Amino acid sequence: IYLLKSLFLLPPPPPTLLPQTLVMDKIKLSVLVSDEAGGKSDVNGHQNVRKSCLSITEPADDELSRDNKEAYMASVFANCTQTWLESLKYHLGYQLDFNFDYGALNKLQPFPLNNFGDPFMKSNYGVNSKQFEVAVLDWFADLWGIHKDKYWGYITSGSTEANFHAIIMGREIFPDGILYASKESHYSVFKAARMYRMDCIKIDTLTSGEIDCIDFKAKLLQNKDKPAIINVNIGTTFKAAIDDL
């Protein structure tokens, strides 16, 4: 069960129940249910990863079991590597660098690095890489023509976290604002709007994936009495489109 307002557990539904959507306390819940054959699926019909997932067991005490476990894990990693290599041959739609070599970072792996807190503030947790983080931020600031003393930011775990933070900042500044985003925007933009209970208007796009400025203007004029919080794409996920406003 996925719930934004609070988190709790419910007993699994009877196996005869069909996929369904529940409404509880005005919040829509997506529920995993079982079909009569005992297989599980979600309400959107997505493939259940559990069919291929691995089981986790407690480590054994005896040496023979440990050796068997290590051999088993070696085979698991080998199979995963082969599967990923095969997947790369047909990996379309995501702008990724398949030739990037992380070997130079191997020497950093033994350290429990954690950059919690403001990257520009000294931390009482000494094992951090904030000097690298700020260097990357300065590089992007320079790329965009922003003086080093005129910006703030941090490196996120990915696009979802970045969008979440940017949108909540917009809502904090304009509590009654409306979020505008093109239909080609990252899915997390619309997810954030639901989480933050924001009004969100989707804008049509051109064939290239770029925002349709004519549709955008028309929808802005329909809500002239409310501030506009605008999500601007600089390279959409699948078409690499840029919203030229």
Protein backbone atom coordinates (compact mmCIF):
# COMPACT_ATOMS: atom_id res chain seq x y z
CA ILE A 1 0.00 0.00 0.00
CA TYR A 2 1.37 3.38 -0.98
CA LEU A 3 0.19 6.20 1.27
CA LEU A 4 1.51 9.74 1.49
CA LYS A 5 -0.33 10.90 4.60
CA SER A 6 0.93 8.16 6.87
CA LEU A 7 2.49 4.72 6.70
CA PHE A 8 0.90 1.62 8.11
CA LEU A 9 0.53 -2.06 7.34
CA LEU A 10 -2.61 -3.95 6.55
CA PRO A 11 -3.10 -7.71 6.31
CA PRO A 12 -2.98 -9.00 2.73
CA PRO A 13 -6.33 -9.30 0.95
CA PRO A 14 -7.87 -12.72 0.26
CA PRO A 15 -6.41 -14.43 -2.83
CA THR A 16 -9.72 -14.22 -4.71
CA LEU A 17 -9.76 -10.43 -4.76
CA LEU A 18 -9.15 -8.72 -8.08
CA PRO A 19 -6.81 -5.72 -8.54
CA GLN A 20 -8.59 -2.71 -7.17
CA THR A 21 -8.22 0.82 -5.88
CA LEU A 22 -9.35 1.79 -2.40
CA VAL A 23 -10.21 5.25 -1.14
CA MET A 24 -9.41 5.82 2.54
CA ASP A 25 -9.58 9.19 4.24
CA LYS A 26 -9.86 10.83 0.81
CA ILE A 27 -6.52 9.36 -0.25
CA LYS A 28 -6.32 6.99 -3.19
CA LEU A 29 -4.45 3.79 -2.36
CA SER A 30 -2.78 1.50 -4.85
CA VAL A 31 -3.15 -2.01 -3.44
CA LEU A 32 -1.20 -5.13 -4.28
CA VAL A 33 -3.66 -7.99 -4.52
CA SER A 34 -3.51 -11.67 -5.40
CA ASP A 35 -5.27 -13.36 -8.25
CA GLU A 36 -6.77 -16.84 -7.91
CA ALA A 37 -3.57 -18.43 -9.21
CA GLY A 38 -1.65 -16.96 -6.33
CA GLY A 39 0.38 -14.50 -8.42
CA LYS A 40 0.52 -10.87 -7.40
CA SER A 41 0.11 -7.79 -9.51
CA ASP A 42 -0.55 -4.13 -8.87
CA VAL A 43 -3.48 -2.08 -10.08
CA ASN A 44 -1.56 -0.89 -13.13
CA GLY A 45 -0.69 -4.41 -14.22
CA HIS A 46 3.03 -3.91 -13.79
CA GLN A 47 5.19 -7.00 -13.74
CA ASN A 48 5.91 -8.17 -10.22
CA VAL A 49 9.66 -8.05 -9.54
CA ARG A 50 9.32 -10.56 -6.71
CA LYS A 51 9.11 -13.38 -9.25
CA SER A 52 12.79 -12.86 -10.04
CA CYS A 53 14.12 -11.38 -6.81
CA LEU A 54 16.69 -13.05 -4.56
CA SER A 55 16.11 -14.34 -1.05
CA ILE A 56 18.17 -12.97 1.82
CA THR A 57 19.32 -15.33 4.55
CA GLU A 58 21.34 -14.90 7.72
CA PRO A 59 25.07 -15.65 7.30
CA ALA A 60 26.11 -19.14 8.35
CA ASP A 61 28.62 -19.77 11.10
CA ASP A 62 30.47 -22.76 9.64
CA GLU A 63 33.22 -22.34 7.07
CA LEU A 64 31.71 -24.74 4.49
CA SER A 65 28.45 -22.81 4.39
CA ARG A 66 30.36 -19.56 4.00
CA ASP A 67 32.32 -21.00 1.06
CA ASN A 68 29.10 -22.22 -0.56
CA LYS A 69 27.54 -18.81 -0.01
CA GLU A 70 30.49 -17.04 -1.61
CA ALA A 71 30.35 -19.34 -4.61
CA TYR A 72 26.61 -18.78 -4.92
CA MET A 73 27.00 -15.00 -4.77
CA ALA A 74 29.77 -15.14 -7.37
CA SER A 75 27.35 -16.90 -9.72
CA VAL A 76 24.63 -14.35 -8.93
CA PHE A 77 26.95 -11.44 -9.78
CA ALA A 78 28.08 -13.19 -12.97
CA ASN A 79 24.47 -13.71 -14.08
CA CYS A 80 23.58 -10.10 -13.25
CA THR A 81 26.57 -8.81 -15.19
CA GLN A 82 25.61 -10.88 -18.23
CA THR A 83 21.98 -9.69 -18.02
CA TRP A 84 23.02 -6.04 -17.77
CA LEU A 85 25.45 -6.34 -20.67
CA GLU A 86 22.67 -7.82 -22.79
CA SER A 87 20.25 -5.09 -21.70
CA LEU A 88 22.66 -2.35 -22.78
CA LYS A 89 22.29 -3.50 -26.39
CA TYR A 90 18.63 -2.44 -26.39
CA HIS A 91 18.71 0.35 -23.80
CA LEU A 92 16.86 3.17 -25.57
CA GLY A 93 15.34 6.40 -24.31
CA TYR A 94 17.71 7.29 -21.48
CA GLN A 95 20.68 9.62 -22.01
CA LEU A 96 23.43 7.60 -20.31
CA ASP A 97 27.17 7.20 -20.83
CA PHE A 98 27.74 3.46 -21.14
CA ASN A 99 31.49 3.92 -21.51
CA PHE A 100 32.08 5.75 -18.24
CA ASP A 101 34.84 4.13 -16.20
CA TYR A 102 34.37 4.28 -12.41
CA GLY A 103 37.70 2.58 -11.77
CA ALA A 104 39.29 5.82 -10.57
CA LEU A 105 36.82 5.88 -7.68
CA ASN A 106 37.67 2.41 -6.38
CA LYS A 107 40.04 3.83 -3.76
CA LEU A 108 37.13 5.73 -2.21
CA GLN A 109 34.93 2.66 -1.72
CA PRO A 110 36.29 1.68 1.74
CA PHE A 111 35.19 5.00 3.25
CA PRO A 112 31.63 5.55 4.64
CA LEU A 113 31.31 8.95 2.96
CA ASN A 114 28.29 11.01 3.97
CA ASN A 115 27.67 14.61 2.91
CA PHE A 116 24.64 15.24 5.09
CA GLY A 117 23.70 18.82 5.75
CA ASP A 118 24.53 22.00 3.84
CA PRO A 119 27.44 21.33 1.47
CA PHE A 120 28.81 24.82 2.20
CA MET A 121 28.84 24.32 5.98
CA LYS A 122 31.57 22.45 7.84
CA SER A 123 30.32 19.12 9.17
CA ASN A 124 31.11 17.38 12.44
CA TYR A 125 31.18 14.17 10.39
CA GLY A 126 34.73 14.17 9.11
CA VAL A 127 34.42 11.42 6.50
CA ASN A 128 32.74 13.47 3.78
CA SER A 129 33.47 14.61 0.25
CA LYS A 130 32.02 18.10 0.41
CA GLN A 131 35.06 19.56 -1.28
CA PHE A 132 34.18 17.50 -4.35
CA GLU A 133 30.50 18.39 -4.12
CA VAL A 134 31.11 22.13 -3.98
CA ALA A 135 33.62 21.88 -6.84
CA VAL A 136 30.94 20.27 -9.03
CA LEU A 137 28.40 22.92 -8.02
CA ASP A 138 30.86 25.71 -8.84
CA TRP A 139 31.49 24.11 -12.22
CA PHE A 140 27.79 24.18 -13.09
CA ALA A 141 27.40 27.71 -11.71
CA ASP A 142 30.22 28.86 -13.98
CA LEU A 143 28.64 27.02 -16.91
CA TRP A 144 25.42 28.96 -16.37
CA GLY A 145 27.15 32.28 -15.75
CA ILE A 146 26.31 32.47 -12.03
CA HIS A 147 28.81 33.99 -9.60
CA LYS A 148 30.01 31.56 -6.94
CA ASP A 149 28.67 33.77 -4.14
CA LYS A 150 25.24 34.17 -5.74
CA TYR A 151 23.84 30.65 -5.69
CA TRP A 152 23.06 27.75 -3.40
CA GLY A 153 22.54 24.12 -4.22
CA TYR A 154 23.53 20.54 -3.56
CA ILE A 155 24.06 17.32 -5.50
CA THR A 156 21.03 15.09 -5.29
CA SER A 157 20.68 11.34 -5.69
CA GLY A 158 18.91 11.87 -9.01
CA SER A 159 16.31 13.82 -10.97
CA THR A 160 13.41 12.87 -8.67
CA GLU A 161 14.99 14.36 -5.56
CA ALA A 162 16.09 17.44 -7.51
CA ASN A 163 12.57 18.03 -8.80
CA PHE A 164 11.05 17.43 -5.36
CA HIS A 165 13.34 20.03 -3.79
CA ALA A 166 12.88 22.62 -6.53
CA ILE A 167 9.09 22.30 -6.51
CA ILE A 168 8.75 22.50 -2.72
CA MET A 169 10.88 25.65 -2.82
CA GLY A 170 8.47 27.10 -5.35
CA ARG A 171 5.49 26.19 -3.21
CA GLU A 172 7.09 27.71 -0.10
CA ILE A 173 7.54 31.01 -1.92
CA PHE A 174 4.11 30.87 -3.61
CA PRO A 175 1.81 28.75 -1.38
CA ASP A 176 -1.20 29.33 -3.66
CA GLY A 177 0.77 29.03 -6.88
CA ILE A 178 -0.04 26.70 -9.76
CA LEU A 179 2.60 24.32 -11.09
CA TYR A 180 2.90 24.29 -14.89
CA ALA A 181 4.82 21.52 -16.64
CA SER A 182 4.85 20.10 -20.14
CA LYS A 183 3.49 16.63 -20.73
CA GLU A 184 7.02 15.47 -21.57
CA SER A 185 8.30 16.45 -18.11
CA HIS A 186 9.80 13.85 -15.80
CA TYR A 187 7.14 11.80 -14.01
CA SER A 188 8.45 12.97 -10.64
CA VAL A 189 7.22 16.50 -11.37
CA PHE A 190 3.61 15.33 -11.32
CA LYS A 191 4.32 12.98 -8.43
CA ALA A 192 5.61 15.95 -6.43
CA ALA A 193 2.47 17.92 -7.23
CA ARG A 194 0.35 15.10 -5.78
CA MET A 195 2.57 14.77 -2.70
CA TYR A 196 2.51 18.49 -1.99
CA ARG A 197 -1.19 18.78 -2.88
CA MET A 198 -0.48 21.44 -5.48
CA ASP A 199 -2.63 22.47 -8.41
CA CYS A 200 -0.79 21.27 -11.50
CA ILE A 201 -1.57 22.00 -15.14
CA LYS A 202 -0.05 19.96 -17.95
CA ILE A 203 0.99 21.83 -21.07
CA ASP A 204 0.86 20.35 -24.56
CA THR A 205 4.11 19.75 -26.42
CA LEU A 206 5.36 19.98 -29.97
CA THR A 207 6.43 16.92 -31.93
CA SER A 208 9.99 17.55 -30.76
CA GLY A 209 8.88 17.29 -27.12
CA GLU A 210 9.37 21.00 -26.49
CA ILE A 211 6.66 22.85 -24.59
CA ASP A 212 3.90 24.36 -26.75
CA CYS A 213 4.17 28.06 -25.88
CA ILE A 214 0.79 28.87 -27.45
CA ASP A 215 -0.98 26.36 -25.19
CA PHE A 216 1.16 27.52 -22.27
CA LYS A 217 0.16 31.16 -22.74
CA ALA A 218 -3.53 30.28 -23.03
CA LYS A 219 -3.48 28.30 -19.77
CA LEU A 220 -1.51 30.99 -17.96
CA LEU A 221 -4.11 33.59 -18.94
CA GLN A 222 -6.86 31.39 -17.49
CA ASN A 223 -5.26 31.73 -14.04
CA LYS A 224 -3.97 35.31 -13.98
CA ASP A 225 -4.99 35.67 -10.34
CA LYS A 226 -2.53 33.02 -9.11
CA PRO A 227 1.29 32.85 -9.18
CA ALA A 228 2.89 30.54 -11.72
CA ILE A 229 5.47 27.94 -10.67
CA ILE A 230 7.01 26.78 -13.93
CA ASN A 231 8.94 23.58 -14.56
CA VAL A 232 11.30 24.25 -17.48
CA ASN A 233 13.00 21.28 -19.10
CA ILE A 234 16.58 21.44 -20.33
CA GLY A 235 16.56 18.07 -22.03
CA THR A 236 13.51 15.85 -21.44
CA THR A 237 14.00 12.21 -20.51
CA PHE A 238 13.11 10.57 -23.81
CA LYS A 239 13.37 13.29 -26.49
CA ALA A 240 16.05 15.52 -24.93
CA ALA A 241 13.75 18.46 -25.71
CA ILE A 242 14.51 21.95 -24.39
CA ASP A 243 11.67 24.26 -23.37
CA ASP A 244 12.65 27.51 -25.07
CA LEU A 245 10.55 30.15 -23.33
